Amino acid sequence: MNWKALPASPFGEYLRASVWRPASIDHMLVDEVTAIVPNRAQGYFKGQNGHLRNSTLMDSSYKSPGGGVAWTAADLVQLAIAMQNRKLLKPATVAQMRQGTKLPDGSMVPYGLGWQVGEWKGQRNIQHGGA
């Protein structure tokens, strides 16, 4: 499915222009529960009798800026490549994302702009739990 064919939202248009096009992302879209998205993955669960059942409908539109997008694995790779090649963010912005946060009392919190920062086995560690 080509995201250009789906209805636009102001937030979706911003993402298309500022992130998806520069990163050569072709299939990512703001997830809309009522949109027909060919090949959209459907979750399942085991019912009480052990048979598979469709998962409950998940409307993620309430959290579009914080994760309410749908994408393919290939699009995720394209996003990572664009980040590595500095197509999306200035180096100073990336550096700020990878710093801990200083609180008003002067103490530090091991959380940057969206990333946990710290050390693991003596090496600097920057991670995201995926939630």
C-alpha atoms as a PDB file:
ATOM      1  CA  MET A   1       0.000   0.000   0.000  1.00  0.00           C
ATOM      2  CA  ASN A   2       1.317   3.394  -0.907  1.00  0.00           C
ATOM      3  CA  TRP A   3       0.752   5.948   1.870  1.00  0.00           C
ATOM      4  CA  LYS A   4       0.185   8.696  -0.694  1.00  0.00           C
ATOM      5  CA  ALA A   5      -3.220   7.155  -1.444  1.00  0.00           C
ATOM      6  CA  LEU A   6      -4.522   7.462   2.123  1.00  0.00           C
ATOM      7  CA  PRO A   7      -6.418  10.465   3.502  1.00  0.00           C
ATOM      8  CA  ALA A   8      -4.149  13.150   4.895  1.00  0.00           C
ATOM      9  CA  SER A   9      -4.134  14.756   8.317  1.00  0.00           C
ATOM     10  CA  PRO A  10      -2.118  17.853   9.243  1.00  0.00           C
ATOM     11  CA  PHE A  11       0.148  15.718  11.451  1.00  0.00           C
ATOM     12  CA  GLY A  12       0.470  13.062   8.755  1.00  0.00           C
ATOM     13  CA  GLU A  13       1.359  15.702   6.154  1.00  0.00           C
ATOM     14  CA  TYR A  14       4.050  17.069   8.451  1.00  0.00           C
ATOM     15  CA  LEU A  15       5.526  13.593   8.930  1.00  0.00           C
ATOM     16  CA  ARG A  16       5.435  12.903   5.194  1.00  0.00           C
ATOM     17  CA  ALA A  17       7.257  16.128   4.358  1.00  0.00           C
ATOM     18  CA  SER A  18       9.705  16.218   7.265  1.00  0.00           C
ATOM     19  CA  VAL A  19      10.499  12.570   7.973  1.00  0.00           C
ATOM     20  CA  TRP A  20       9.139  10.000   5.552  1.00  0.00           C
ATOM     21  CA  ARG A  21      10.125  11.619   2.232  1.00  0.00           C
ATOM     22  CA  PRO A  22      13.661  12.597   3.352  1.00  0.00           C
ATOM     23  CA  ALA A  23      14.139   9.056   4.721  1.00  0.00           C
ATOM     24  CA  SER A  24      12.776   7.399   1.535  1.00  0.00           C
ATOM     25  CA  ILE A  25      10.028   5.722   3.569  1.00  0.00           C
ATOM     26  CA  ASP A  26       7.279   4.432   1.295  1.00  0.00           C
ATOM     27  CA  HIS A  27       4.650   2.697   3.417  1.00  0.00           C
ATOM     28  CA  MET A  28       4.515   4.385   6.832  1.00  0.00           C
ATOM     29  CA  LEU A  29       1.234   6.082   7.686  1.00  0.00           C
ATOM     30  CA  VAL A  30      -0.597   7.617  10.594  1.00  0.00           C
ATOM     31  CA  ASP A  31      -2.625   4.665  11.822  1.00  0.00           C
ATOM     32  CA  GLU A  32      -6.348   5.160  11.480  1.00  0.00           C
ATOM     33  CA  VAL A  33      -8.495   2.332  12.750  1.00  0.00           C
ATOM     34  CA  THR A  34     -11.134   2.699  10.034  1.00  0.00           C
ATOM     35  CA  ALA A  35      -8.703   2.917   7.090  1.00  0.00           C
ATOM     36  CA  ILE A  36      -8.422  -0.090   4.801  1.00  0.00           C
ATOM     37  CA  VAL A  37      -4.718  -0.919   4.808  1.00  0.00           C
ATOM     38  CA  PRO A  38      -3.810  -3.872   2.593  1.00  0.00           C
ATOM     39  CA  ASN A  39      -1.549  -6.411   4.327  1.00  0.00           C
ATOM     40  CA  ARG A  40      -2.079  -4.835   7.765  1.00  0.00           C
ATOM     41  CA  ALA A  41      -1.020  -7.332  10.420  1.00  0.00           C
ATOM     42  CA  GLN A  42      -3.748  -8.658  12.681  1.00  0.00           C
ATOM     43  CA  GLY A  43      -3.033  -9.914  16.160  1.00  0.00           C
ATOM     44  CA  TYR A  44      -4.541 -13.041  17.658  1.00  0.00           C
ATOM     45  CA  PHE A  45      -5.038 -14.547  21.092  1.00  0.00           C
ATOM     46  CA  LYS A  46      -6.027 -17.960  22.381  1.00  0.00           C
ATOM     47  CA  GLY A  47      -9.563 -18.124  23.679  1.00  0.00           C
ATOM     48  CA  GLN A  48     -10.576 -20.102  26.748  1.00  0.00           C
ATOM     49  CA  ASN A  49     -11.092 -23.177  24.575  1.00  0.00           C
ATOM     50  CA  GLY A  50      -7.563 -22.847  23.168  1.00  0.00           C
ATOM     51  CA  HIS A  51      -8.696 -21.766  19.704  1.00  0.00           C
ATOM     52  CA  LEU A  52      -7.188 -18.681  18.055  1.00  0.00           C
ATOM     53  CA  ARG A  53      -9.390 -15.600  17.923  1.00  0.00           C
ATOM     54  CA  ASN A  54      -8.916 -12.145  16.421  1.00  0.00           C
ATOM     55  CA  SER A  55      -7.481  -9.666  18.887  1.00  0.00           C
ATOM     56  CA  THR A  56      -9.554  -6.759  20.120  1.00  0.00           C
ATOM     57  CA  LEU A  57      -9.639  -3.744  17.833  1.00  0.00           C
ATOM     58  CA  MET A  58      -6.902  -1.273  18.808  1.00  0.00           C
ATOM     59  CA  ASP A  59      -7.554   2.363  17.931  1.00  0.00           C
ATOM     60  CA  SER A  60      -4.156   4.034  18.248  1.00  0.00           C
ATOM     61  CA  SER A  61      -5.269   7.353  16.727  1.00  0.00           C
ATOM     62  CA  TYR A  62      -5.307   8.971  20.168  1.00  0.00           C
ATOM     63  CA  LYS A  63      -1.542   8.584  20.332  1.00  0.00           C
ATOM     64  CA  SER A  64      -0.477   9.461  16.781  1.00  0.00           C
ATOM     65  CA  PRO A  65       2.434  11.683  17.834  1.00  0.00           C
ATOM     66  CA  GLY A  66       3.632   9.092  20.346  1.00  0.00           C
ATOM     67  CA  GLY A  67       3.509   5.917  18.325  1.00  0.00           C
ATOM     68  CA  GLY A  68       0.233   5.823  16.435  1.00  0.00           C
ATOM     69  CA  VAL A  69       1.834   5.056  13.094  1.00  0.00           C
ATOM     70  CA  ALA A  70       1.870   1.901  11.014  1.00  0.00           C
ATOM     71  CA  TRP A  71       4.923   0.861   9.028  1.00  0.00           C
ATOM     72  CA  THR A  72       6.759  -2.025   7.472  1.00  0.00           C
ATOM     73  CA  ALA A  73      10.032  -3.558   8.626  1.00  0.00           C
ATOM     74  CA  ALA A  74      11.665  -2.114   5.487  1.00  0.00           C
ATOM     75  CA  ASP A  75      10.461   1.364   6.479  1.00  0.00           C
ATOM     76  CA  LEU A  76      11.987   0.937   9.926  1.00  0.00           C
ATOM     77  CA  VAL A  77      15.316   0.095   8.263  1.00  0.00           C
ATOM     78  CA  GLN A  78      15.004   3.186   6.044  1.00  0.00           C
ATOM     79  CA  LEU A  79      14.394   5.323   9.143  1.00  0.00           C
ATOM     80  CA  ALA A  80      17.490   3.894  10.847  1.00  0.00           C
ATOM     81  CA  ILE A  81      19.587   4.526   7.724  1.00  0.00           C
ATOM     82  CA  ALA A  82      18.328   8.110   7.472  1.00  0.00           C
ATOM     83  CA  MET A  83      19.195   8.682  11.140  1.00  0.00           C
ATOM     84  CA  GLN A  84      22.670   7.189  10.696  1.00  0.00           C
ATOM     85  CA  ASN A  85      23.258   9.323   7.591  1.00  0.00           C
ATOM     86  CA  ARG A  86      22.053  12.465   9.400  1.00  0.00           C
ATOM     87  CA  LYS A  87      19.245  13.154   6.919  1.00  0.00           C
ATOM     88  CA  LEU A  88      16.682  13.985   9.610  1.00  0.00           C
ATOM     89  CA  LEU A  89      18.326  15.619  12.610  1.00  0.00           C
ATOM     90  CA  LYS A  90      21.238  17.963  13.204  1.00  0.00           C
ATOM     91  CA  PRO A  91      24.203  16.413  15.076  1.00  0.00           C
ATOM     92  CA  ALA A  92      23.560  18.789  17.991  1.00  0.00           C
ATOM     93  CA  THR A  93      19.992  17.519  18.287  1.00  0.00           C
ATOM     94  CA  VAL A  94      21.137  13.884  18.287  1.00  0.00           C
ATOM     95  CA  ALA A  95      23.723  14.718  20.965  1.00  0.00           C
ATOM     96  CA  GLN A  96      21.021  16.311  23.103  1.00  0.00           C
ATOM     97  CA  MET A  97      18.810  13.225  22.703  1.00  0.00           C
ATOM     98  CA  ARG A  98      21.643  11.072  23.995  1.00  0.00           C
ATOM     99  CA  GLN A  99      22.316  13.116  27.135  1.00  0.00           C
ATOM    100  CA  GLY A 100      20.750  12.596  30.520  1.00  0.00           C
ATOM    101  CA  THR A 101      18.350  15.226  31.827  1.00  0.00           C
ATOM    102  CA  LYS A 102      19.411  17.668  34.508  1.00  0.00           C
ATOM    103  CA  LEU A 103      16.673  18.402  37.044  1.00  0.00           C
ATOM    104  CA  PRO A 104      16.181  21.811  38.720  1.00  0.00           C
ATOM    105  CA  ASP A 105      17.892  20.503  41.886  1.00  0.00           C
ATOM    106  CA  GLY A 106      21.006  19.659  39.831  1.00  0.00           C
ATOM    107  CA  SER A 107      20.586  15.889  39.903  1.00  0.00           C
ATOM    108  CA  MET A 108      20.676  13.897  36.676  1.00  0.00           C
ATOM    109  CA  VAL A 109      18.060  11.485  35.333  1.00  0.00           C
ATOM    110  CA  PRO A 110      19.316   8.797  32.903  1.00  0.00           C
ATOM    111  CA  TYR A 111      16.787   9.765  30.243  1.00  0.00           C
ATOM    112  CA  GLY A 112      17.428  11.882  27.146  1.00  0.00           C
ATOM    113  CA  LEU A 113      14.873  12.996  24.593  1.00  0.00           C
ATOM    114  CA  GLY A 114      13.140   9.630  24.194  1.00  0.00           C
ATOM    115  CA  TRP A 115      16.146   7.454  25.102  1.00  0.00           C
ATOM    116  CA  GLN A 116      17.460   5.764  28.228  1.00  0.00           C
ATOM    117  CA  VAL A 117      21.131   6.613  28.635  1.00  0.00           C
ATOM    118  CA  GLY A 118      23.701   4.961  30.846  1.00  0.00           C
ATOM    119  CA  GLU A 119      26.374   2.280  30.901  1.00  0.00           C
ATOM    120  CA  TRP A 120      26.364  -1.467  30.456  1.00  0.00           C
ATOM    121  CA  LYS A 121      29.492  -3.578  30.990  1.00  0.00           C
ATOM    122  CA  GLY A 122      31.606  -0.443  30.957  1.00  0.00           C
ATOM    123  CA  GLN A 123      30.256   0.798  27.624  1.00  0.00           C
ATOM    124  CA  ARG A 124      28.015   3.770  26.989  1.00  0.00           C
ATOM    125  CA  ASN A 125      24.483   2.477  26.370  1.00  0.00           C
ATOM    126  CA  ILE A 126      21.671   4.350  24.642  1.00  0.00           C
ATOM    127  CA  GLN A 127      18.430   2.401  24.313  1.00  0.00           C
ATOM    128  CA  HIS A 128      14.700   2.496  23.936  1.00  0.00           C
ATOM    129  CA  GLY A 129      12.415  -0.164  25.354  1.00  0.00           C
ATOM    130  CA  GLY A 130       9.985   0.063  22.448  1.00  0.00           C
ATOM    131  CA  ALA A 131       6.986   1.115  24.504  1.00  0.00           C
END
